[in-house]
Amino acid sequence: MSQNHPNPTPVRLILGSSSVYRKQLLSRLGLPFETIAPDIDETPHPGETPEATALRLAREKAAAIAARVGPALVIGSDQVATLDGLQIGKPGNHANALKQLQLMRGREVIFHTALCLWDGRRADAAAAAQVRNVQTLVRFRHLDDAELNAYLRIEQPYDCAGSAKNEGLGIAILESIRSDDPTALTGLPLIALTGMLRQAGVTFFAAGAANQ
């Protein structure tokens, strides 16, 4: 739990994720927080658009944890990649990851990073959730199979949508990244999140003043 903020918020803050990268990103804000891994079915619903999948799962992750912990601020996030309108999820293994990268090489892929901040202090579930989707446009380099195989064996990004971790060696297989929220591709859009936290009464710079 981070303890370096000069004026920590009195409300409990929980990151609903087991991702070390999301934890590292949230730590940048200097707020004390806990992490709890959500336990939900992440299977897309039939006919559901990729954006809708990401938004639903971010909300369900936050809601599931909020139901367990009571009055707290819970952060849920989910990411889905899309190419030609088709959803590209987590590959799970080397063969599937290679197929994804072969499909995406030389192409531009849209990554939907959905974010939900659930305020467990609110009794009304409709008012408790702030939800937003942040889009990132990623163009992949046109690399041959030998390079893609070598990358996958080094990085092993089999739990990552689109098989490319930009926070690691995956940056070398990307040609460009375009987004209004630069940390969204890593999995937690901090510009959107800080806005949501402010809306929930969290302050960041008012040393000596209590958060509301």
C-alpha atoms as a PDB file:
ATOM      1  CA  MET A   1       0.000   0.000   0.000  1.00  0.00           C
ATOM      2  CA  SER A   2       1.371   3.375  -0.989  1.00  0.00           C
ATOM      3  CA  GLN A   3       1.827   5.797   1.941  1.00  0.00           C
ATOM      4  CA  ASN A   4       3.628   8.790   0.410  1.00  0.00           C
ATOM      5  CA  HIS A   5       0.706  11.166  -0.189  1.00  0.00           C
ATOM      6  CA  PRO A   6       0.788  14.230   2.104  1.00  0.00           C
ATOM      7  CA  ASN A   7      -2.977  14.220   2.486  1.00  0.00           C
ATOM      8  CA  PRO A   8      -4.326  10.684   2.044  1.00  0.00           C
ATOM      9  CA  THR A   9      -8.003  10.333   1.348  1.00  0.00           C
ATOM     10  CA  PRO A  10      -9.954   8.878   4.302  1.00  0.00           C
ATOM     11  CA  VAL A  11     -12.093   6.684   2.059  1.00  0.00           C
ATOM     12  CA  ARG A  12     -10.727   3.230   1.304  1.00  0.00           C
ATOM     13  CA  LEU A  13      -9.354   2.984  -2.252  1.00  0.00           C
ATOM     14  CA  ILE A  14      -9.196  -0.402  -3.956  1.00  0.00           C
ATOM     15  CA  LEU A  15      -7.718  -1.367  -7.307  1.00  0.00           C
ATOM     16  CA  GLY A  16      -9.731  -4.276  -8.663  1.00  0.00           C
ATOM     17  CA  SER A  17      -6.915  -5.931 -10.553  1.00  0.00           C
ATOM     18  CA  SER A  18      -4.057  -8.400 -10.158  1.00  0.00           C
ATOM     19  CA  SER A  19      -2.006  -6.594 -12.841  1.00  0.00           C
ATOM     20  CA  VAL A  20       1.391  -5.409 -11.628  1.00  0.00           C
ATOM     21  CA  TYR A  21       1.348  -2.755 -14.373  1.00  0.00           C
ATOM     22  CA  ARG A  22      -1.958  -1.252 -13.216  1.00  0.00           C
ATOM     23  CA  LYS A  23      -0.643  -1.285  -9.645  1.00  0.00           C
ATOM     24  CA  GLN A  24       2.504   0.574 -10.722  1.00  0.00           C
ATOM     25  CA  LEU A  25       0.446   3.155 -12.603  1.00  0.00           C
ATOM     26  CA  LEU A  26      -1.924   3.800  -9.692  1.00  0.00           C
ATOM     27  CA  SER A  27       1.069   4.180  -7.368  1.00  0.00           C
ATOM     28  CA  ARG A  28       2.054   7.288  -9.352  1.00  0.00           C
ATOM     29  CA  LEU A  29      -0.838   9.173  -7.757  1.00  0.00           C
ATOM     30  CA  GLY A  30       0.621   8.725  -4.267  1.00  0.00           C
ATOM     31  CA  LEU A  31      -2.712   7.661  -2.768  1.00  0.00           C
ATOM     32  CA  PRO A  32      -2.899   4.764  -0.291  1.00  0.00           C
ATOM     33  CA  PHE A  33      -4.682   1.818  -1.935  1.00  0.00           C
ATOM     34  CA  GLU A  34      -5.221  -1.910  -1.771  1.00  0.00           C
ATOM     35  CA  THR A  35      -5.474  -4.451  -4.567  1.00  0.00           C
ATOM     36  CA  ILE A  36      -8.117  -7.160  -4.817  1.00  0.00           C
ATOM     37  CA  ALA A  37      -8.331  -9.451  -7.837  1.00  0.00           C
ATOM     38  CA  PRO A  38     -11.850  -9.622  -9.297  1.00  0.00           C
ATOM     39  CA  ASP A  39     -13.358 -13.036  -9.949  1.00  0.00           C
ATOM     40  CA  ILE A  40     -15.768 -12.689 -12.857  1.00  0.00           C
ATOM     41  CA  ASP A  41     -16.428 -14.420 -16.156  1.00  0.00           C
ATOM     42  CA  GLU A  42     -14.763 -12.318 -18.873  1.00  0.00           C
ATOM     43  CA  THR A  43     -16.416 -14.083 -21.817  1.00  0.00           C
ATOM     44  CA  PRO A  44     -17.942 -11.620 -24.313  1.00  0.00           C
ATOM     45  CA  HIS A  45     -21.718 -11.783 -24.675  1.00  0.00           C
ATOM     46  CA  PRO A  46     -23.146 -12.879 -28.046  1.00  0.00           C
ATOM     47  CA  GLY A  47     -23.460  -9.923 -30.395  1.00  0.00           C
ATOM     48  CA  GLU A  48     -21.680  -7.594 -27.978  1.00  0.00           C
ATOM     49  CA  THR A  49     -19.396  -4.967 -29.495  1.00  0.00           C
ATOM     50  CA  PRO A  50     -15.779  -4.892 -28.258  1.00  0.00           C
ATOM     51  CA  GLU A  51     -16.303  -1.474 -26.664  1.00  0.00           C
ATOM     52  CA  ALA A  52     -19.431  -2.718 -24.882  1.00  0.00           C
ATOM     53  CA  THR A  53     -17.537  -5.777 -23.638  1.00  0.00           C
ATOM     54  CA  ALA A  54     -14.770  -3.660 -22.142  1.00  0.00           C
ATOM     55  CA  LEU A  55     -17.218  -1.249 -20.493  1.00  0.00           C
ATOM     56  CA  ARG A  56     -19.364  -4.045 -19.066  1.00  0.00           C
ATOM     57  CA  LEU A  57     -16.393  -5.957 -17.654  1.00  0.00           C
ATOM     58  CA  ALA A  58     -14.834  -2.853 -16.080  1.00  0.00           C
ATOM     59  CA  ARG A  59     -18.138  -2.132 -14.359  1.00  0.00           C
ATOM     60  CA  GLU A  60     -18.691  -5.758 -13.304  1.00  0.00           C
ATOM     61  CA  LYS A  61     -15.183  -5.992 -11.828  1.00  0.00           C
ATOM     62  CA  ALA A  62     -15.694  -2.866  -9.747  1.00  0.00           C
ATOM     63  CA  ALA A  63     -19.233  -3.810  -8.703  1.00  0.00           C
ATOM     64  CA  ALA A  64     -18.246  -7.331  -7.652  1.00  0.00           C
ATOM     65  CA  ILE A  65     -15.519  -6.064  -5.342  1.00  0.00           C
ATOM     66  CA  ALA A  66     -17.652  -3.189  -4.035  1.00  0.00           C
ATOM     67  CA  ALA A  67     -20.323  -5.695  -3.014  1.00  0.00           C
ATOM     68  CA  ARG A  68     -17.728  -7.460  -0.857  1.00  0.00           C
ATOM     69  CA  VAL A  69     -15.984  -4.495   0.778  1.00  0.00           C
ATOM     70  CA  GLY A  70     -18.715  -1.952   1.483  1.00  0.00           C
ATOM     71  CA  PRO A  71     -18.089   1.829   1.533  1.00  0.00           C
ATOM     72  CA  ALA A  72     -14.985   2.228  -0.605  1.00  0.00           C
ATOM     73  CA  LEU A  73     -13.876   3.583  -3.955  1.00  0.00           C
ATOM     74  CA  VAL A  74     -13.214   0.639  -6.259  1.00  0.00           C
ATOM     75  CA  ILE A  75     -11.404   0.895  -9.582  1.00  0.00           C
ATOM     76  CA  GLY A  76     -12.277  -1.595 -12.309  1.00  0.00           C
ATOM     77  CA  SER A  77     -10.648  -1.666 -15.730  1.00  0.00           C
ATOM     78  CA  ASP A  78     -10.719  -3.872 -18.782  1.00  0.00           C
ATOM     79  CA  GLN A  79      -9.117  -3.765 -22.209  1.00  0.00           C
ATOM     80  CA  VAL A  80     -10.205  -5.152 -25.559  1.00  0.00           C
ATOM     81  CA  ALA A  81      -8.362  -4.798 -28.867  1.00  0.00           C
ATOM     82  CA  THR A  82     -10.220  -4.610 -32.175  1.00  0.00           C
ATOM     83  CA  LEU A  83      -9.222  -4.964 -35.811  1.00  0.00           C
ATOM     84  CA  ASP A  84     -11.782  -4.553 -38.593  1.00  0.00           C
ATOM     85  CA  GLY A  85     -14.479  -4.588 -35.923  1.00  0.00           C
ATOM     86  CA  LEU A  86     -13.419  -8.006 -34.598  1.00  0.00           C
ATOM     87  CA  GLN A  87     -12.469  -8.483 -30.959  1.00  0.00           C
ATOM     88  CA  ILE A  88      -8.893  -9.511 -30.203  1.00  0.00           C
ATOM     89  CA  GLY A  89      -8.599 -10.857 -26.674  1.00  0.00           C
ATOM     90  CA  LYS A  90      -5.891 -12.456 -24.587  1.00  0.00           C
ATOM     91  CA  PRO A  91      -4.144 -15.143 -26.667  1.00  0.00           C
ATOM     92  CA  GLY A  92      -3.486 -17.595 -23.828  1.00  0.00           C
ATOM     93  CA  ASN A  93      -0.618 -19.371 -25.589  1.00  0.00           C
ATOM     94  CA  HIS A  94       2.208 -18.918 -28.099  1.00  0.00           C
ATOM     95  CA  ALA A  95       0.355 -20.223 -31.148  1.00  0.00           C
ATOM     96  CA  ASN A  96      -2.616 -17.910 -30.645  1.00  0.00           C
ATOM     97  CA  ALA A  97      -0.331 -14.947 -29.921  1.00  0.00           C
ATOM     98  CA  LEU A  98       1.560 -15.525 -33.163  1.00  0.00           C
ATOM     99  CA  LYS A  99      -1.705 -15.632 -35.115  1.00  0.00           C
ATOM    100  CA  GLN A 100      -2.739 -12.321 -33.541  1.00  0.00           C
ATOM    101  CA  LEU A 101       0.536 -10.606 -34.405  1.00  0.00           C
ATOM    102  CA  GLN A 102       0.492 -11.987 -37.949  1.00  0.00           C
ATOM    103  CA  LEU A 103      -3.006 -10.570 -38.384  1.00  0.00           C
ATOM    104  CA  MET A 104      -2.072  -7.172 -36.967  1.00  0.00           C
ATOM    105  CA  ARG A 105       1.335  -6.565 -38.539  1.00  0.00           C
ATOM    106  CA  GLY A 106       1.421  -3.430 -40.637  1.00  0.00           C
ATOM    107  CA  ARG A 107      -2.113  -2.624 -39.474  1.00  0.00           C
ATOM    108  CA  GLU A 108      -3.718  -0.151 -37.089  1.00  0.00           C
ATOM    109  CA  VAL A 109      -5.530  -1.674 -34.122  1.00  0.00           C
ATOM    110  CA  ILE A 110      -7.962   0.059 -31.772  1.00  0.00           C
ATOM    111  CA  PHE A 111      -7.505  -0.697 -28.074  1.00  0.00           C
ATOM    112  CA  HIS A 112     -10.550   0.027 -25.905  1.00  0.00           C
ATOM    113  CA  THR A 113      -9.509   0.596 -22.287  1.00  0.00           C
ATOM    114  CA  ALA A 114     -12.631   0.840 -20.152  1.00  0.00           C
ATOM    115  CA  LEU A 115     -12.542   2.338 -16.673  1.00  0.00           C
ATOM    116  CA  CYS A 116     -15.066   2.258 -13.842  1.00  0.00           C
ATOM    117  CA  LEU A 117     -14.845   4.006 -10.482  1.00  0.00           C
ATOM    118  CA  TRP A 118     -17.471   2.598  -8.123  1.00  0.00           C
ATOM    119  CA  ASP A 119     -18.340   4.691  -5.070  1.00  0.00           C
ATOM    120  CA  GLY A 120     -19.528   2.222  -2.445  1.00  0.00           C
ATOM    121  CA  ARG A 121     -20.645   5.078  -0.203  1.00  0.00           C
ATOM    122  CA  ARG A 122     -23.628   5.607  -2.502  1.00  0.00           C
ATOM    123  CA  ALA A 123     -26.705   3.460  -1.977  1.00  0.00           C
ATOM    124  CA  ASP A 124     -27.984   3.972  -5.524  1.00  0.00           C
ATOM    125  CA  ALA A 125     -26.053   1.650  -7.857  1.00  0.00           C
ATOM    126  CA  ALA A 126     -26.913   3.813 -10.868  1.00  0.00           C
ATOM    127  CA  ALA A 127     -25.236   6.814  -9.220  1.00  0.00           C
ATOM    128  CA  ALA A 128     -22.352   4.844  -7.742  1.00  0.00           C
ATOM    129  CA  ALA A 129     -20.536   4.124 -11.006  1.00  0.00           C
ATOM    130  CA  GLN A 130     -18.546   6.476 -13.208  1.00  0.00           C
ATOM    131  CA  VAL A 131     -17.685   4.671 -16.437  1.00  0.00           C
ATOM    132  CA  ARG A 132     -15.615   5.686 -19.449  1.00  0.00           C
ATOM    133  CA  ASN A 133     -13.946   4.111 -22.462  1.00  0.00           C
ATOM    134  CA  VAL A 134     -10.591   5.448 -23.692  1.00  0.00           C
ATOM    135  CA  GLN A 135      -9.494   4.559 -27.221  1.00  0.00           C
ATOM    136  CA  THR A 136      -5.868   4.122 -28.268  1.00  0.00           C
ATOM    137  CA  LEU A 137      -4.853   3.690 -31.915  1.00  0.00           C
ATOM    138  CA  VAL A 138      -1.818   1.437 -32.296  1.00  0.00           C
ATOM    139  CA  ARG A 139      -0.012   0.721 -35.552  1.00  0.00           C
ATOM    140  CA  PHE A 140       2.084  -2.457 -35.586  1.00  0.00           C
ATOM    141  CA  ARG A 141       5.361  -2.768 -37.479  1.00  0.00           C
ATOM    142  CA  HIS A 142       5.418  -5.139 -40.431  1.00  0.00           C
ATOM    143  CA  LEU A 143       7.759  -7.786 -38.991  1.00  0.00           C
ATOM    144  CA  ASP A 144       8.435 -11.278 -40.329  1.00  0.00           C
ATOM    145  CA  ASP A 145       7.457 -14.460 -38.509  1.00  0.00           C
ATOM    146  CA  ALA A 146      10.976 -15.069 -37.202  1.00  0.00           C
ATOM    147  CA  GLU A 147      11.019 -11.728 -35.376  1.00  0.00           C
ATOM    148  CA  LEU A 148       7.501 -12.195 -34.062  1.00  0.00           C
ATOM    149  CA  ASN A 149       8.344 -15.673 -32.756  1.00  0.00           C
ATOM    150  CA  ALA A 150      11.511 -14.402 -31.100  1.00  0.00           C
ATOM    151  CA  TYR A 151       9.635 -11.542 -29.456  1.00  0.00           C
ATOM    152  CA  LEU A 152       6.944 -13.852 -28.103  1.00  0.00           C
ATOM    153  CA  ARG A 153       9.464 -16.287 -26.631  1.00  0.00           C
ATOM    154  CA  ILE A 154      11.212 -13.437 -24.814  1.00  0.00           C
ATOM    155  CA  GLU A 155       8.180 -11.471 -23.646  1.00  0.00           C
ATOM    156  CA  GLN A 156       5.516 -14.228 -23.399  1.00  0.00           C
ATOM    157  CA  PRO A 157       2.600 -11.729 -23.423  1.00  0.00           C
ATOM    158  CA  TYR A 158      -0.023 -14.457 -23.429  1.00  0.00           C
ATOM    159  CA  ASP A 159      -2.230 -12.745 -20.828  1.00  0.00           C
ATOM    160  CA  CYS A 160      -2.279  -9.450 -22.741  1.00  0.00           C
ATOM    161  CA  ALA A 161      -4.942  -8.395 -25.243  1.00  0.00           C
ATOM    162  CA  GLY A 162      -3.273  -8.108 -28.628  1.00  0.00           C
ATOM    163  CA  SER A 163      -0.098  -9.920 -27.485  1.00  0.00           C
ATOM    164  CA  ALA A 164       1.913  -6.699 -27.125  1.00  0.00           C
ATOM    165  CA  LYS A 165       2.984  -5.145 -23.818  1.00  0.00           C
ATOM    166  CA  ASN A 166       4.048  -1.604 -24.624  1.00  0.00           C
ATOM    167  CA  GLU A 167       5.507  -1.263 -21.136  1.00  0.00           C
ATOM    168  CA  GLY A 168       8.070  -3.936 -22.025  1.00  0.00           C
ATOM    169  CA  LEU A 169       9.775  -5.220 -25.167  1.00  0.00           C
ATOM    170  CA  GLY A 170       6.461  -5.006 -26.988  1.00  0.00           C
ATOM    171  CA  ILE A 171       7.216  -1.350 -27.706  1.00  0.00           C
ATOM    172  CA  ALA A 172       9.723  -2.591 -30.324  1.00  0.00           C
ATOM    173  CA  ILE A 173       6.994  -4.157 -32.456  1.00  0.00           C
ATOM    174  CA  LEU A 174       4.899  -0.980 -32.524  1.00  0.00           C
ATOM    175  CA  GLU A 175       5.206   1.814 -35.062  1.00  0.00           C
ATOM    176  CA  SER A 176       2.974   4.429 -33.420  1.00  0.00           C
ATOM    177  CA  ILE A 177       0.599   5.013 -30.496  1.00  0.00           C
ATOM    178  CA  ARG A 178      -2.110   7.690 -30.498  1.00  0.00           C
ATOM    179  CA  SER A 179      -4.272   8.437 -27.472  1.00  0.00           C
ATOM    180  CA  ASP A 180      -5.578  11.341 -25.385  1.00  0.00           C
ATOM    181  CA  ASP A 181      -4.663   9.381 -22.233  1.00  0.00           C
ATOM    182  CA  PRO A 182      -1.070   8.085 -22.523  1.00  0.00           C
ATOM    183  CA  THR A 183      -1.278   5.364 -19.855  1.00  0.00           C
ATOM    184  CA  ALA A 184      -4.472   3.826 -21.267  1.00  0.00           C
ATOM    185  CA  LEU A 185      -2.642   1.296 -23.427  1.00  0.00           C
ATOM    186  CA  THR A 186      -0.817  -0.051 -20.366  1.00  0.00           C
ATOM    187  CA  GLY A 187      -4.217  -0.721 -18.823  1.00  0.00           C
ATOM    188  CA  LEU A 188      -5.140   2.198 -16.564  1.00  0.00           C
ATOM    189  CA  PRO A 189      -5.965   5.630 -18.085  1.00  0.00           C
ATOM    190  CA  LEU A 190      -4.766   7.972 -15.345  1.00  0.00           C
ATOM    191  CA  ILE A 191      -6.119  11.194 -16.848  1.00  0.00           C
ATOM    192  CA  ALA A 192      -9.634   9.739 -16.861  1.00  0.00           C
ATOM    193  CA  LEU A 193      -9.138   8.173 -13.433  1.00  0.00           C
ATOM    194  CA  THR A 194      -7.946  11.354 -11.721  1.00  0.00           C
ATOM    195  CA  GLY A 195     -11.008  13.134 -13.081  1.00  0.00           C
ATOM    196  CA  MET A 196     -13.265  10.439 -11.654  1.00  0.00           C
ATOM    197  CA  LEU A 197     -11.494  10.528  -8.278  1.00  0.00           C
ATOM    198  CA  ARG A 198     -11.921  14.294  -8.117  1.00  0.00           C
ATOM    199  CA  GLN A 199     -15.623  13.841  -8.865  1.00  0.00           C
ATOM    200  CA  ALA A 200     -15.750  11.416  -5.918  1.00  0.00           C
ATOM    201  CA  GLY A 201     -14.188  14.025  -3.603  1.00  0.00           C
ATOM    202  CA  VAL A 202     -10.549  12.979  -3.670  1.00  0.00           C
ATOM    203  CA  THR A 203      -7.999  15.798  -3.715  1.00  0.00           C
ATOM    204  CA  PHE A 204      -4.369  15.517  -4.794  1.00  0.00           C
ATOM    205  CA  PHE A 205      -2.569  18.762  -3.954  1.00  0.00           C
ATOM    206  CA  ALA A 206      -4.345  20.409  -1.001  1.00  0.00           C
ATOM    207  CA  ALA A 207      -1.805  19.502   1.693  1.00  0.00           C
ATOM    208  CA  GLY A 208      -3.233  19.832   5.149  1.00  0.00           C
ATOM    209  CA  ALA A 209      -6.833  19.943   3.954  1.00  0.00           C
ATOM    210  CA  ALA A 210      -9.150  17.003   4.427  1.00  0.00           C
ATOM    211  CA  ASN A 211     -10.666  15.210   1.456  1.00  0.00           C
ATOM    212  CA  GLN A 212     -14.399  15.369   1.333  1.00  0.00           C
END
